[in-house]
Amino acid sequence: MKLVERTPPRRFAVGHKGQEIWLNHVADVELAPDEQITLTTPGGREFDIVRKSWGYYATPSLNGRLKQFGYRSALVASGDRRYLLLVEQDRMAEFEAYIGAQRMRVIAWLDEAELSFPPP
């Protein structure tokens, strides 16, 4: 694993005009195949990313480990782009406010037993 901290962080805006959010790009991580990093929250939640020779496991199992750590996984759309978002289960109200402000919509909750994809 190779970690490169960005000092000072690269700062940039994302989101819709008038609803911009400023992000700080603080580090780059390079993994070799079969290496894993775990991102943690102060509350003890975990999120793993695993490098494989063919690409990445970008998340733990959506309806298994992620759910056990208190996350819901949502496939969302913003205009013609799609994103996989991981939502802390006890912060659903914040998530709903965020996707409303950013003009996003949930296409499907990927952690449910039965997947259903509503029409656009």
PDB file of N, CA and C in Angstrom:
ATOM      1  N   MET A   1       0.843  -1.173   0.000  1.00  0.00           N
ATOM      2  CA  MET A   1       0.000   0.000   0.000  1.00  0.00           C
ATOM      3  C   MET A   1       0.891   1.240   0.000  1.00  0.00           C
ATOM      4  N   LYS A   2       0.472   2.211  -0.784  1.00  0.00           N
ATOM      5  CA  LYS A   2       1.198   3.482  -0.843  1.00  0.00           C
ATOM      6  C   LYS A   2       0.206   4.594  -0.509  1.00  0.00           C
ATOM      7  N   LEU A   3       0.530   5.397   0.497  1.00  0.00           N
ATOM      8  CA  LEU A   3      -0.324   6.506   0.930  1.00  0.00           C
ATOM      9  C   LEU A   3       0.408   7.817   0.678  1.00  0.00           C
ATOM     10  N   VAL A   4      -0.235   8.727  -0.031  1.00  0.00           N
ATOM     11  CA  VAL A   4       0.332  10.053  -0.287  1.00  0.00           C
ATOM     12  C   VAL A   4      -0.649  11.086   0.245  1.00  0.00           C
ATOM     13  N   GLU A   5      -0.237  11.784   1.308  1.00  0.00           N
ATOM     14  CA  GLU A   5      -1.083  12.857   1.848  1.00  0.00           C
ATOM     15  C   GLU A   5      -0.949  14.090   0.972  1.00  0.00           C
ATOM     16  N   ARG A   6      -2.040  14.797   0.792  1.00  0.00           N
ATOM     17  CA  ARG A   6      -2.036  16.046   0.020  1.00  0.00           C
ATOM     18  C   ARG A   6      -2.008  17.210   1.000  1.00  0.00           C
ATOM     19  N   THR A   7      -0.850  17.876   1.070  1.00  0.00           N
ATOM     20  CA  THR A   7      -0.694  19.011   1.968  1.00  0.00           C
ATOM     21  C   THR A   7      -0.215  20.201   1.155  1.00  0.00           C
ATOM     22  N   PRO A   8      -1.014  21.232   1.031  1.00  0.00           N
ATOM     23  CA  PRO A   8      -2.372  21.368   1.564  1.00  0.00           C
ATOM     24  C   PRO A   8      -3.346  20.544   0.721  1.00  0.00           C
ATOM     25  N   PRO A   9      -4.511  20.253   1.276  1.00  0.00           N
ATOM     26  CA  PRO A   9      -5.507  19.506   0.507  1.00  0.00           C
ATOM     27  C   PRO A   9      -5.948  20.284  -0.736  1.00  0.00           C
ATOM     28  N   ARG A  10      -6.281  19.534  -1.778  1.00  0.00           N
ATOM     29  CA  ARG A  10      -6.875  20.139  -2.977  1.00  0.00           C
ATOM     30  C   ARG A  10      -8.345  20.391  -2.656  1.00  0.00           C
ATOM     31  N   ARG A  11      -8.797  21.627  -2.826  1.00  0.00           N
ATOM     32  CA  ARG A  11     -10.175  22.008  -2.481  1.00  0.00           C
ATOM     33  C   ARG A  11     -10.944  22.280  -3.769  1.00  0.00           C
ATOM     34  N   PHE A  12     -12.153  21.703  -3.875  1.00  0.00           N
ATOM     35  CA  PHE A  12     -12.943  21.883  -5.094  1.00  0.00           C
ATOM     36  C   PHE A  12     -14.428  21.757  -4.783  1.00  0.00           C
ATOM     37  N   ALA A  13     -15.233  22.337  -5.664  1.00  0.00           N
ATOM     38  CA  ALA A  13     -16.688  22.342  -5.483  1.00  0.00           C
ATOM     39  C   ALA A  13     -17.328  21.253  -6.331  1.00  0.00           C
ATOM     40  N   VAL A  14     -18.396  20.648  -5.777  1.00  0.00           N
ATOM     41  CA  VAL A  14     -19.226  19.679  -6.494  1.00  0.00           C
ATOM     42  C   VAL A  14     -20.681  20.047  -6.249  1.00  0.00           C
ATOM     43  N   GLY A  15     -21.568  19.475  -7.037  1.00  0.00           N
ATOM     44  CA  GLY A  15     -22.996  19.718  -6.827  1.00  0.00           C
ATOM     45  C   GLY A  15     -23.548  20.711  -7.824  1.00  0.00           C
ATOM     46  N   HIS A  16     -24.830  20.972  -7.678  1.00  0.00           N
ATOM     47  CA  HIS A  16     -25.529  21.885  -8.581  1.00  0.00           C
ATOM     48  C   HIS A  16     -25.258  23.336  -8.206  1.00  0.00           C
ATOM     49  N   LYS A  17     -25.267  24.199  -9.213  1.00  0.00           N
ATOM     50  CA  LYS A  17     -25.056  25.627  -9.000  1.00  0.00           C
ATOM     51  C   LYS A  17     -26.052  26.143  -7.963  1.00  0.00           C
ATOM     52  N   GLY A  18     -25.544  26.858  -6.993  1.00  0.00           N
ATOM     53  CA  GLY A  18     -26.370  27.360  -5.909  1.00  0.00           C
ATOM     54  C   GLY A  18     -26.466  26.391  -4.742  1.00  0.00           C
ATOM     55  N   GLN A  19     -26.075  25.136  -4.952  1.00  0.00           N
ATOM     56  CA  GLN A  19     -26.089  24.109  -3.902  1.00  0.00           C
ATOM     57  C   GLN A  19     -24.718  23.429  -3.807  1.00  0.00           C
ATOM     58  N   GLU A  20     -23.652  24.158  -4.162  1.00  0.00           N
ATOM     59  CA  GLU A  20     -22.320  23.575  -4.183  1.00  0.00           C
ATOM     60  C   GLU A  20     -21.898  23.098  -2.800  1.00  0.00           C
ATOM     61  N   ILE A  21     -21.103  22.053  -2.805  1.00  0.00           N
ATOM     62  CA  ILE A  21     -20.495  21.512  -1.596  1.00  0.00           C
ATOM     63  C   ILE A  21     -18.992  21.527  -1.841  1.00  0.00           C
ATOM     64  N   TRP A  22     -18.232  22.015  -0.873  1.00  0.00           N
ATOM     65  CA  TRP A  22     -16.782  22.078  -1.014  1.00  0.00           C
ATOM     66  C   TRP A  22     -16.154  20.841  -0.397  1.00  0.00           C
ATOM     67  N   LEU A  23     -15.325  20.156  -1.190  1.00  0.00           N
ATOM     68  CA  LEU A  23     -14.622  18.963  -0.731  1.00  0.00           C
ATOM     69  C   LEU A  23     -13.141  19.253  -0.583  1.00  0.00           C
ATOM     70  N   ASN A  24     -12.491  18.512   0.314  1.00  0.00           N
ATOM     71  CA  ASN A  24     -11.048  18.566   0.504  1.00  0.00           C
ATOM     72  C   ASN A  24     -10.464  17.205   0.154  1.00  0.00           C
ATOM     73  N   HIS A  25      -9.661  17.146  -0.904  1.00  0.00           N
ATOM     74  CA  HIS A  25      -8.974  15.916  -1.309  1.00  0.00           C
ATOM     75  C   HIS A  25      -7.709  15.837  -0.462  1.00  0.00           C
ATOM     76  N   VAL A  26      -7.698  14.947   0.546  1.00  0.00           N
ATOM     77  CA  VAL A  26      -6.633  14.938   1.549  1.00  0.00           C
ATOM     78  C   VAL A  26      -5.573  13.864   1.342  1.00  0.00           C
ATOM     79  N   ALA A  27      -5.861  12.807   0.555  1.00  0.00           N
ATOM     80  CA  ALA A  27      -4.874  11.738   0.382  1.00  0.00           C
ATOM     81  C   ALA A  27      -5.196  10.892  -0.841  1.00  0.00           C
ATOM     82  N   ASP A  28      -4.162  10.230  -1.353  1.00  0.00           N
ATOM     83  CA  ASP A  28      -4.292   9.216  -2.397  1.00  0.00           C
ATOM     84  C   ASP A  28      -3.766   7.907  -1.817  1.00  0.00           C
ATOM     85  N   VAL A  29      -4.455   6.805  -2.086  1.00  0.00           N
ATOM     86  CA  VAL A  29      -4.039   5.483  -1.621  1.00  0.00           C
ATOM     87  C   VAL A  29      -3.916   4.576  -2.834  1.00  0.00           C
ATOM     88  N   GLU A  30      -2.768   3.930  -2.973  1.00  0.00           N
ATOM     89  CA  GLU A  30      -2.553   2.959  -4.046  1.00  0.00           C
ATOM     90  C   GLU A  30      -2.446   1.577  -3.415  1.00  0.00           C
ATOM     91  N   LEU A  31      -3.323   0.667  -3.829  1.00  0.00           N
ATOM     92  CA  LEU A  31      -3.318  -0.695  -3.299  1.00  0.00           C
ATOM     93  C   LEU A  31      -2.783  -1.668  -4.340  1.00  0.00           C
ATOM     94  N   ALA A  32      -2.092  -2.691  -3.870  1.00  0.00           N
ATOM     95  CA  ALA A  32      -1.694  -3.810  -4.722  1.00  0.00           C
ATOM     96  C   ALA A  32      -2.844  -4.821  -4.718  1.00  0.00           C
ATOM     97  N   PRO A  33      -2.886  -5.732  -5.696  1.00  0.00           N
ATOM     98  CA  PRO A  33      -3.942  -6.746  -5.684  1.00  0.00           C
ATOM     99  C   PRO A  33      -4.003  -7.490  -4.349  1.00  0.00           C
ATOM    100  N   ASP A  34      -5.227  -7.746  -3.896  1.00  0.00           N
ATOM    101  CA  ASP A  34      -5.528  -8.456  -2.653  1.00  0.00           C
ATOM    102  C   ASP A  34      -5.138  -7.682  -1.393  1.00  0.00           C
ATOM    103  N   GLU A  35      -5.050  -6.370  -1.499  1.00  0.00           N
ATOM    104  CA  GLU A  35      -4.887  -5.515  -0.320  1.00  0.00           C
ATOM    105  C   GLU A  35      -6.212  -4.823  -0.040  1.00  0.00           C
ATOM    106  N   GLN A  36      -6.455  -4.553   1.238  1.00  0.00           N
ATOM    107  CA  GLN A  36      -7.707  -3.930   1.680  1.00  0.00           C
ATOM    108  C   GLN A  36      -7.399  -2.730   2.553  1.00  0.00           C
ATOM    109  N   ILE A  37      -8.228  -1.695   2.413  1.00  0.00           N
ATOM    110  CA  ILE A  37      -8.227  -0.606   3.383  1.00  0.00           C
ATOM    111  C   ILE A  37      -9.614  -0.564   4.013  1.00  0.00           C
ATOM    112  N   THR A  38      -9.658  -0.127   5.259  1.00  0.00           N
ATOM    113  CA  THR A  38     -10.919   0.011   5.974  1.00  0.00           C
ATOM    114  C   THR A  38     -11.065   1.458   6.401  1.00  0.00           C
ATOM    115  N   LEU A  39     -12.152   2.087   5.985  1.00  0.00           N
ATOM    116  CA  LEU A  39     -12.480   3.441   6.413  1.00  0.00           C
ATOM    117  C   LEU A  39     -13.383   3.314   7.632  1.00  0.00           C
ATOM    118  N   THR A  40     -13.161   4.146   8.633  1.00  0.00           N
ATOM    119  CA  THR A  40     -13.945   4.058   9.867  1.00  0.00           C
ATOM    120  C   THR A  40     -14.546   5.413  10.215  1.00  0.00           C
ATOM    121  N   THR A  41     -15.612   5.372  11.021  1.00  0.00           N
ATOM    122  CA  THR A  41     -16.223   6.594  11.547  1.00  0.00           C
ATOM    123  C   THR A  41     -15.920   6.674  13.034  1.00  0.00           C
ATOM    124  N   PRO A  42     -16.039   7.857  13.640  1.00  0.00           N
ATOM    125  CA  PRO A  42     -15.836   7.961  15.087  1.00  0.00           C
ATOM    126  C   PRO A  42     -16.779   7.042  15.876  1.00  0.00           C
ATOM    127  N   GLY A  43     -17.949   6.720  15.312  1.00  0.00           N
ATOM    128  CA  GLY A  43     -18.908   5.854  15.987  1.00  0.00           C
ATOM    129  C   GLY A  43     -18.627   4.367  15.826  1.00  0.00           C
ATOM    130  N   GLY A  44     -17.572   3.999  15.083  1.00  0.00           N
ATOM    131  CA  GLY A  44     -17.193   2.599  14.953  1.00  0.00           C
ATOM    132  C   GLY A  44     -17.695   1.891  13.709  1.00  0.00           C
ATOM    133  N   ARG A  45     -18.356   2.603  12.816  1.00  0.00           N
ATOM    134  CA  ARG A  45     -18.785   1.971  11.563  1.00  0.00           C
ATOM    135  C   ARG A  45     -17.567   1.755  10.671  1.00  0.00           C
ATOM    136  N   GLU A  46     -17.634   0.717   9.839  1.00  0.00           N
ATOM    137  CA  GLU A  46     -16.526   0.386   8.952  1.00  0.00           C
ATOM    138  C   GLU A  46     -17.004   0.244   7.518  1.00  0.00           C
ATOM    139  N   PHE A  47     -16.087   0.491   6.594  1.00  0.00           N
ATOM    140  CA  PHE A  47     -16.345   0.362   5.164  1.00  0.00           C
ATOM    141  C   PHE A  47     -15.047  -0.098   4.511  1.00  0.00           C
ATOM    142  N   ASP A  48     -15.067  -1.251   3.850  1.00  0.00           N
ATOM    143  CA  ASP A  48     -13.864  -1.834   3.255  1.00  0.00           C
ATOM    144  C   ASP A  48     -13.832  -1.637   1.746  1.00  0.00           C
ATOM    145  N   ILE A  49     -12.616  -1.457   1.229  1.00  0.00           N
ATOM    146  CA  ILE A  49     -12.355  -1.434  -0.208  1.00  0.00           C
ATOM    147  C   ILE A  49     -11.219  -2.420  -0.452  1.00  0.00           C
ATOM    148  N   VAL A  50     -11.403  -3.330  -1.414  1.00  0.00           N
ATOM    149  CA  VAL A  50     -10.407  -4.360  -1.700  1.00  0.00           C
ATOM    150  C   VAL A  50      -9.955  -4.252  -3.155  1.00  0.00           C
ATOM    151  N   ARG A  51      -8.642  -4.229  -3.365  1.00  0.00           N
ATOM    152  CA  ARG A  51      -8.065  -4.226  -4.716  1.00  0.00           C
ATOM    153  C   ARG A  51      -7.906  -5.667  -5.177  1.00  0.00           C
ATOM    154  N   LYS A  52      -8.321  -5.943  -6.395  1.00  0.00           N
ATOM    155  CA  LYS A  52      -8.111  -7.239  -7.032  1.00  0.00           C
ATOM    156  C   LYS A  52      -7.301  -7.003  -8.304  1.00  0.00           C
ATOM    157  N   SER A  53      -6.772  -8.050  -8.901  1.00  0.00           N
ATOM    158  CA  SER A  53      -5.992  -7.889 -10.135  1.00  0.00           C
ATOM    159  C   SER A  53      -6.857  -7.337 -11.267  1.00  0.00           C
ATOM    160  N   TRP A  54      -8.172  -7.584 -11.207  1.00  0.00           N
ATOM    161  CA  TRP A  54      -9.100  -7.167 -12.262  1.00  0.00           C
ATOM    162  C   TRP A  54      -9.825  -5.860 -11.959  1.00  0.00           C
ATOM    163  N   GLY A  55      -9.615  -5.290 -10.775  1.00  0.00           N
ATOM    164  CA  GLY A  55     -10.314  -4.054 -10.392  1.00  0.00           C
ATOM    165  C   GLY A  55     -10.486  -3.979  -8.888  1.00  0.00           C
ATOM    166  N   TYR A  56     -11.718  -3.680  -8.416  1.00  0.00           N
ATOM    167  CA  TYR A  56     -11.977  -3.485  -6.986  1.00  0.00           C
ATOM    168  C   TYR A  56     -13.295  -4.109  -6.553  1.00  0.00           C
ATOM    169  N   TYR A  57     -13.324  -4.570  -5.322  1.00  0.00           N
ATOM    170  CA  TYR A  57     -14.576  -4.701  -4.591  1.00  0.00           C
ATOM    171  C   TYR A  57     -14.751  -3.314  -3.975  1.00  0.00           C
ATOM    172  N   ALA A  58     -15.654  -2.524  -4.500  1.00  0.00           N
ATOM    173  CA  ALA A  58     -15.827  -1.145  -4.038  1.00  0.00           C
ATOM    174  C   ALA A  58     -16.567  -1.069  -2.714  1.00  0.00           C
ATOM    175  N   THR A  59     -17.296  -2.133  -2.356  1.00  0.00           N
ATOM    176  CA  THR A  59     -18.020  -2.170  -1.084  1.00  0.00           C
ATOM    177  C   THR A  59     -18.010  -3.594  -0.550  1.00  0.00           C
ATOM    178  N   PRO A  60     -18.205  -3.757   0.759  1.00  0.00           N
ATOM    179  CA  PRO A  60     -18.519  -5.084   1.281  1.00  0.00           C
ATOM    180  C   PRO A  60     -19.898  -5.496   0.748  1.00  0.00           C
ATOM    181  N   SER A  61     -20.365  -6.689   1.086  1.00  0.00           N
ATOM    182  CA  SER A  61     -21.674  -7.139   0.594  1.00  0.00           C
ATOM    183  C   SER A  61     -22.750  -6.138   1.002  1.00  0.00           C
ATOM    184  N   LEU A  62     -23.551  -5.734   0.030  1.00  0.00           N
ATOM    185  CA  LEU A  62     -24.545  -4.678   0.235  1.00  0.00           C
ATOM    186  C   LEU A  62     -25.638  -5.082   1.212  1.00  0.00           C
ATOM    187  N   ASN A  63     -26.027  -6.356   1.183  1.00  0.00           N
ATOM    188  CA  ASN A  63     -27.107  -6.808   2.061  1.00  0.00           C
ATOM    189  C   ASN A  63     -26.586  -7.669   3.214  1.00  0.00           C
ATOM    190  N   GLY A  64     -25.277  -7.641   3.446  1.00  0.00           N
ATOM    191  CA  GLY A  64     -24.650  -8.409   4.518  1.00  0.00           C
ATOM    192  C   GLY A  64     -23.858  -7.510   5.445  1.00  0.00           C
ATOM    193  N   ARG A  65     -22.541  -7.437   5.196  1.00  0.00           N
ATOM    194  CA  ARG A  65     -21.655  -6.692   6.087  1.00  0.00           C
ATOM    195  C   ARG A  65     -21.993  -5.209   6.191  1.00  0.00           C
ATOM    196  N   LEU A  66     -22.309  -4.576   5.058  1.00  0.00           N
ATOM    197  CA  LEU A  66     -22.654  -3.150   5.119  1.00  0.00           C
ATOM    198  C   LEU A  66     -23.860  -2.927   6.017  1.00  0.00           C
ATOM    199  N   LYS A  67     -24.854  -3.772   5.857  1.00  0.00           N
ATOM    200  CA  LYS A  67     -26.068  -3.657   6.667  1.00  0.00           C
ATOM    201  C   LYS A  67     -25.747  -3.872   8.148  1.00  0.00           C
ATOM    202  N   GLN A  68     -24.868  -4.851   8.441  1.00  0.00           N
ATOM    203  CA  GLN A  68     -24.472  -5.118   9.826  1.00  0.00           C
ATOM    204  C   GLN A  68     -23.782  -3.911  10.457  1.00  0.00           C
ATOM    205  N   PHE A  69     -23.067  -3.139   9.653  1.00  0.00           N
ATOM    206  CA  PHE A  69     -22.381  -1.949  10.163  1.00  0.00           C
ATOM    207  C   PHE A  69     -23.253  -0.703  10.128  1.00  0.00           C
ATOM    208  N   GLY A  70     -24.544  -0.869   9.832  1.00  0.00           N
ATOM    209  CA  GLY A  70     -25.472   0.250   9.924  1.00  0.00           C
ATOM    210  C   GLY A  70     -25.590   1.109   8.684  1.00  0.00           C
ATOM    211  N   TYR A  71     -25.243   0.542   7.523  1.00  0.00           N
ATOM    212  CA  TYR A  71     -25.359   1.285   6.270  1.00  0.00           C
ATOM    213  C   TYR A  71     -26.481   0.731   5.403  1.00  0.00           C
ATOM    214  N   ARG A  72     -27.123   1.612   4.648  1.00  0.00           N
ATOM    215  CA  ARG A  72     -28.021   1.234   3.560  1.00  0.00           C
ATOM    216  C   ARG A  72     -27.311   1.632   2.269  1.00  0.00           C
ATOM    217  N   SER A  73     -27.534   0.878   1.214  1.00  0.00           N
ATOM    218  CA  SER A  73     -26.899   1.184  -0.066  1.00  0.00           C
ATOM    219  C   SER A  73     -27.968   1.564  -1.079  1.00  0.00           C
ATOM    220  N   ALA A  74     -27.762   2.718  -1.703  1.00  0.00           N
ATOM    221  CA  ALA A  74     -28.743   3.256  -2.644  1.00  0.00           C
ATOM    222  C   ALA A  74     -28.081   3.527  -3.988  1.00  0.00           C
ATOM    223  N   LEU A  75     -28.745   3.107  -5.046  1.00  0.00           N
ATOM    224  CA  LEU A  75     -28.365   3.508  -6.391  1.00  0.00           C
ATOM    225  C   LEU A  75     -29.178   4.758  -6.684  1.00  0.00           C
ATOM    226  N   VAL A  76     -28.490   5.875  -6.943  1.00  0.00           N
ATOM    227  CA  VAL A  76     -29.187   7.143  -7.150  1.00  0.00           C
ATOM    228  C   VAL A  76     -28.811   7.738  -8.504  1.00  0.00           C
ATOM    229  N   ALA A  77     -29.676   8.612  -8.994  1.00  0.00           N
ATOM    230  CA  ALA A  77     -29.430   9.313 -10.250  1.00  0.00           C
ATOM    231  C   ALA A  77     -29.387  10.805  -9.986  1.00  0.00           C
ATOM    232  N   SER A  78     -28.485  11.460 -10.695  1.00  0.00           N
ATOM    233  CA  SER A  78     -28.398  12.914 -10.702  1.00  0.00           C
ATOM    234  C   SER A  78     -28.259  13.303 -12.166  1.00  0.00           C
ATOM    235  N   GLY A  79     -29.356  13.770 -12.744  1.00  0.00           N
ATOM    236  CA  GLY A  79     -29.353  14.007 -14.189  1.00  0.00           C
ATOM    237  C   GLY A  79     -29.166  12.681 -14.896  1.00  0.00           C
ATOM    238  N   ASP A  80     -28.176  12.614 -15.800  1.00  0.00           N
ATOM    239  CA  ASP A  80     -27.929  11.363 -16.524  1.00  0.00           C
ATOM    240  C   ASP A  80     -26.807  10.535 -15.899  1.00  0.00           C
ATOM    241  N   ARG A  81     -26.366  10.889 -14.693  1.00  0.00           N
ATOM    242  CA  ARG A  81     -25.296  10.152 -14.009  1.00  0.00           C
ATOM    243  C   ARG A  81     -25.860   9.321 -12.872  1.00  0.00           C
ATOM    244  N   ARG A  82     -25.199   8.183 -12.594  1.00  0.00           N
ATOM    245  CA  ARG A  82     -25.630   7.308 -11.510  1.00  0.00           C
ATOM    246  C   ARG A  82     -24.519   7.152 -10.484  1.00  0.00           C
ATOM    247  N   TYR A  83     -24.930   7.023  -9.212  1.00  0.00           N
ATOM    248  CA  TYR A  83     -23.985   6.906  -8.106  1.00  0.00           C
ATOM    249  C   TYR A  83     -24.446   5.834  -7.139  1.00  0.00           C
ATOM    250  N   LEU A  84     -23.484   5.175  -6.483  1.00  0.00           N
ATOM    251  CA  LEU A  84     -23.768   4.262  -5.390  1.00  0.00           C
ATOM    252  C   LEU A  84     -23.464   5.021  -4.105  1.00  0.00           C
ATOM    253  N   LEU A  85     -24.491   5.252  -3.293  1.00  0.00           N
ATOM    254  CA  LEU A  85     -24.319   5.976  -2.036  1.00  0.00           C
ATOM    255  C   LEU A  85     -24.561   5.038  -0.870  1.00  0.00           C
ATOM    256  N   LEU A  86     -23.750   5.180   0.171  1.00  0.00           N
ATOM    257  CA  LEU A  86     -23.909   4.402   1.394  1.00  0.00           C
ATOM    258  C   LEU A  86     -24.417   5.347   2.465  1.00  0.00           C
ATOM    259  N   VAL A  87     -25.558   5.020   3.044  1.00  0.00           N
ATOM    260  CA  VAL A  87     -26.259   5.919   3.959  1.00  0.00           C
ATOM    261  C   VAL A  87     -26.269   5.311   5.355  1.00  0.00           C
ATOM    262  N   GLU A  88     -25.825   6.076   6.349  1.00  0.00           N
ATOM    263  CA  GLU A  88     -25.915   5.605   7.729  1.00  0.00           C
ATOM    264  C   GLU A  88     -27.390   5.524   8.097  1.00  0.00           C
ATOM    265  N   GLN A  89     -27.815   4.352   8.587  1.00  0.00           N
ATOM    266  CA  GLN A  89     -29.241   4.101   8.825  1.00  0.00           C
ATOM    267  C   GLN A  89     -29.880   5.124   9.750  1.00  0.00           C
ATOM    268  N   ASP A  90     -29.127   5.642  10.701  1.00  0.00           N
ATOM    269  CA  ASP A  90     -29.701   6.615  11.637  1.00  0.00           C
ATOM    270  C   ASP A  90     -29.610   8.051  11.120  1.00  0.00           C
ATOM    271  N   ARG A  91     -29.234   8.221   9.850  1.00  0.00           N
ATOM    272  CA  ARG A  91     -29.146   9.556   9.253  1.00  0.00           C
ATOM    273  C   ARG A  91     -29.971   9.666   7.976  1.00  0.00           C
ATOM    274  N   MET A  92     -31.041   8.899   7.922  1.00  0.00           N
ATOM    275  CA  MET A  92     -31.891   8.893   6.727  1.00  0.00           C
ATOM    276  C   MET A  92     -32.506  10.266   6.456  1.00  0.00           C
ATOM    277  N   ALA A  93     -32.886  10.994   7.504  1.00  0.00           N
ATOM    278  CA  ALA A  93     -33.486  12.322   7.301  1.00  0.00           C
ATOM    279  C   ALA A  93     -32.481  13.264   6.630  1.00  0.00           C
ATOM    280  N   GLU A  94     -31.205  13.209   7.061  1.00  0.00           N
ATOM    281  CA  GLU A  94     -30.161  14.036   6.439  1.00  0.00           C
ATOM    282  C   GLU A  94     -29.979  13.646   4.975  1.00  0.00           C
ATOM    283  N   PHE A  95     -30.008  12.338   4.709  1.00  0.00           N
ATOM    284  CA  PHE A  95     -29.867  11.841   3.339  1.00  0.00           C
ATOM    285  C   PHE A  95     -31.003  12.348   2.458  1.00  0.00           C
ATOM    286  N   GLU A  96     -32.230  12.241   2.956  1.00  0.00           N
ATOM    287  CA  GLU A  96     -33.400  12.700   2.182  1.00  0.00           C
ATOM    288  C   GLU A  96     -33.274  14.194   1.864  1.00  0.00           C
ATOM    289  N   ALA A  97     -32.840  14.991   2.854  1.00  0.00           N
ATOM    290  CA  ALA A  97     -32.661  16.429   2.627  1.00  0.00           C
ATOM    291  C   ALA A  97     -31.566  16.678   1.586  1.00  0.00           C
ATOM    292  N   TYR A  98     -30.480  15.911   1.685  1.00  0.00           N
ATOM    293  CA  TYR A  98     -29.356  16.067   0.764  1.00  0.00           C
ATOM    294  C   TYR A  98     -29.767  15.762  -0.671  1.00  0.00           C
ATOM    295  N   ILE A  99     -30.403  14.604  -0.900  1.00  0.00           N
ATOM    296  CA  ILE A  99     -30.747  14.269  -2.285  1.00  0.00           C
ATOM    297  C   ILE A  99     -31.801  15.222  -2.840  1.00  0.00           C
ATOM    298  N   GLY A 100     -32.652  15.753  -1.968  1.00  0.00           N
ATOM    299  CA  GLY A 100     -33.612  16.759  -2.418  1.00  0.00           C
ATOM    300  C   GLY A 100     -32.912  18.032  -2.858  1.00  0.00           C
ATOM    301  N   ALA A 101     -31.970  18.514  -2.039  1.00  0.00           N
ATOM    302  CA  ALA A 101     -31.233  19.741  -2.360  1.00  0.00           C
ATOM    303  C   ALA A 101     -30.371  19.570  -3.606  1.00  0.00           C
ATOM    304  N   GLN A 102     -29.832  18.365  -3.811  1.00  0.00           N
ATOM    305  CA  GLN A 102     -28.956  18.103  -4.954  1.00  0.00           C
ATOM    306  C   GLN A 102     -29.720  17.609  -6.186  1.00  0.00           C
ATOM    307  N   ARG A 103     -31.040  17.568  -6.094  1.00  0.00           N
ATOM    308  CA  ARG A 103     -31.895  17.132  -7.201  1.00  0.00           C
ATOM    309  C   ARG A 103     -31.552  15.719  -7.684  1.00  0.00           C
ATOM    310  N   MET A 104     -31.340  14.840  -6.719  1.00  0.00           N
ATOM    311  CA  MET A 104     -31.064  13.431  -7.005  1.00  0.00           C
ATOM    312  C   MET A 104     -32.321  12.624  -6.712  1.00  0.00           C
ATOM    313  N   ARG A 105     -32.365  11.401  -7.231  1.00  0.00           N
ATOM    314  CA  ARG A 105     -33.479  10.511  -6.902  1.00  0.00           C
ATOM    315  C   ARG A 105     -32.941   9.102  -6.688  1.00  0.00           C
ATOM    316  N   VAL A 106     -33.572   8.380  -5.774  1.00  0.00           N
ATOM    317  CA  VAL A 106     -33.193   6.993  -5.520  1.00  0.00           C
ATOM    318  C   VAL A 106     -33.786   6.126  -6.624  1.00  0.00           C
ATOM    319  N   ILE A 107     -32.935   5.394  -7.312  1.00  0.00           N
ATOM    320  CA  ILE A 107     -33.380   4.436  -8.323  1.00  0.00           C
ATOM    321  C   ILE A 107     -33.780   3.137  -7.629  1.00  0.00           C
ATOM    322  N   ALA A 108     -32.939   2.690  -6.680  1.00  0.00           N
ATOM    323  CA  ALA A 108     -33.233   1.454  -5.946  1.00  0.00           C
ATOM    324  C   ALA A 108     -32.401   1.399  -4.676  1.00  0.00           C
ATOM    325  N   TRP A 109     -32.975   0.787  -3.653  1.00  0.00           N
ATOM    326  CA  TRP A 109     -32.229   0.435  -2.442  1.00  0.00           C
ATOM    327  C   TRP A 109     -31.655  -0.953  -2.697  1.00  0.00           C
ATOM    328  N   LEU A 110     -30.324  -1.071  -2.691  1.00  0.00           N
ATOM    329  CA  LEU A 110     -29.664  -2.309  -3.089  1.00  0.00           C
ATOM    330  C   LEU A 110     -29.484  -3.296  -1.946  1.00  0.00           C
ATOM    331  N   ASP A 111     -29.872  -2.913  -0.738  1.00  0.00           N
ATOM    332  CA  ASP A 111     -29.719  -3.801   0.417  1.00  0.00           C
ATOM    333  C   ASP A 111     -31.009  -4.540   0.757  1.00  0.00           C
ATOM    334  N   GLU A 112     -32.057  -4.329  -0.005  1.00  0.00           N
ATOM    335  CA  GLU A 112     -33.334  -4.988   0.263  1.00  0.00           C
ATOM    336  C   GLU A 112     -33.340  -6.397  -0.324  1.00  0.00           C
ATOM    337  N   ALA A 113     -34.146  -7.275   0.270  1.00  0.00           N
ATOM    338  CA  ALA A 113     -34.222  -8.668  -0.180  1.00  0.00           C
ATOM    339  C   ALA A 113     -34.669  -8.757  -1.634  1.00  0.00           C
ATOM    340  N   GLU A 114     -35.652  -7.956  -2.007  1.00  0.00           N
ATOM    341  CA  GLU A 114     -36.159  -7.930  -3.382  1.00  0.00           C
ATOM    342  C   GLU A 114     -35.801  -6.587  -4.004  1.00  0.00           C
ATOM    343  N   LEU A 115     -35.083  -6.615  -5.111  1.00  0.00           N
ATOM    344  CA  LEU A 115     -34.741  -5.374  -5.800  1.00  0.00           C
ATOM    345  C   LEU A 115     -35.861  -4.997  -6.752  1.00  0.00           C
ATOM    346  N   SER A 116     -36.236  -3.728  -6.707  1.00  0.00           N
ATOM    347  CA  SER A 116     -37.211  -3.232  -7.677  1.00  0.00           C
ATOM    348  C   SER A 116     -36.707  -1.898  -8.198  1.00  0.00           C
ATOM    349  N   PHE A 117     -36.813  -1.724  -9.490  1.00  0.00           N
ATOM    350  CA  PHE A 117     -36.332  -0.516 -10.140  1.00  0.00           C
ATOM    351  C   PHE A 117     -37.520   0.227 -10.728  1.00  0.00           C
ATOM    352  N   PRO A 118     -37.923   1.332 -10.080  1.00  0.00           N
ATOM    353  CA  PRO A 118     -39.065   2.088 -10.598  1.00  0.00           C
ATOM    354  C   PRO A 118     -38.715   2.750 -11.927  1.00  0.00           C
ATOM    355  N   PRO A 119     -39.703   3.032 -12.744  1.00  0.00           N
ATOM    356  CA  PRO A 119     -39.426   3.729 -14.007  1.00  0.00           C
ATOM    357  C   PRO A 119     -38.880   5.124 -13.730  1.00  0.00           C
ATOM    358  N   PRO A 120     -38.061   5.647 -14.650  1.00  0.00           N
ATOM    359  CA  PRO A 120     -37.466   6.988 -14.439  1.00  0.00           C
ATOM    360  C   PRO A 120     -38.494   8.092 -14.353  1.00  0.00           C
TER     361      PRO A 120
END
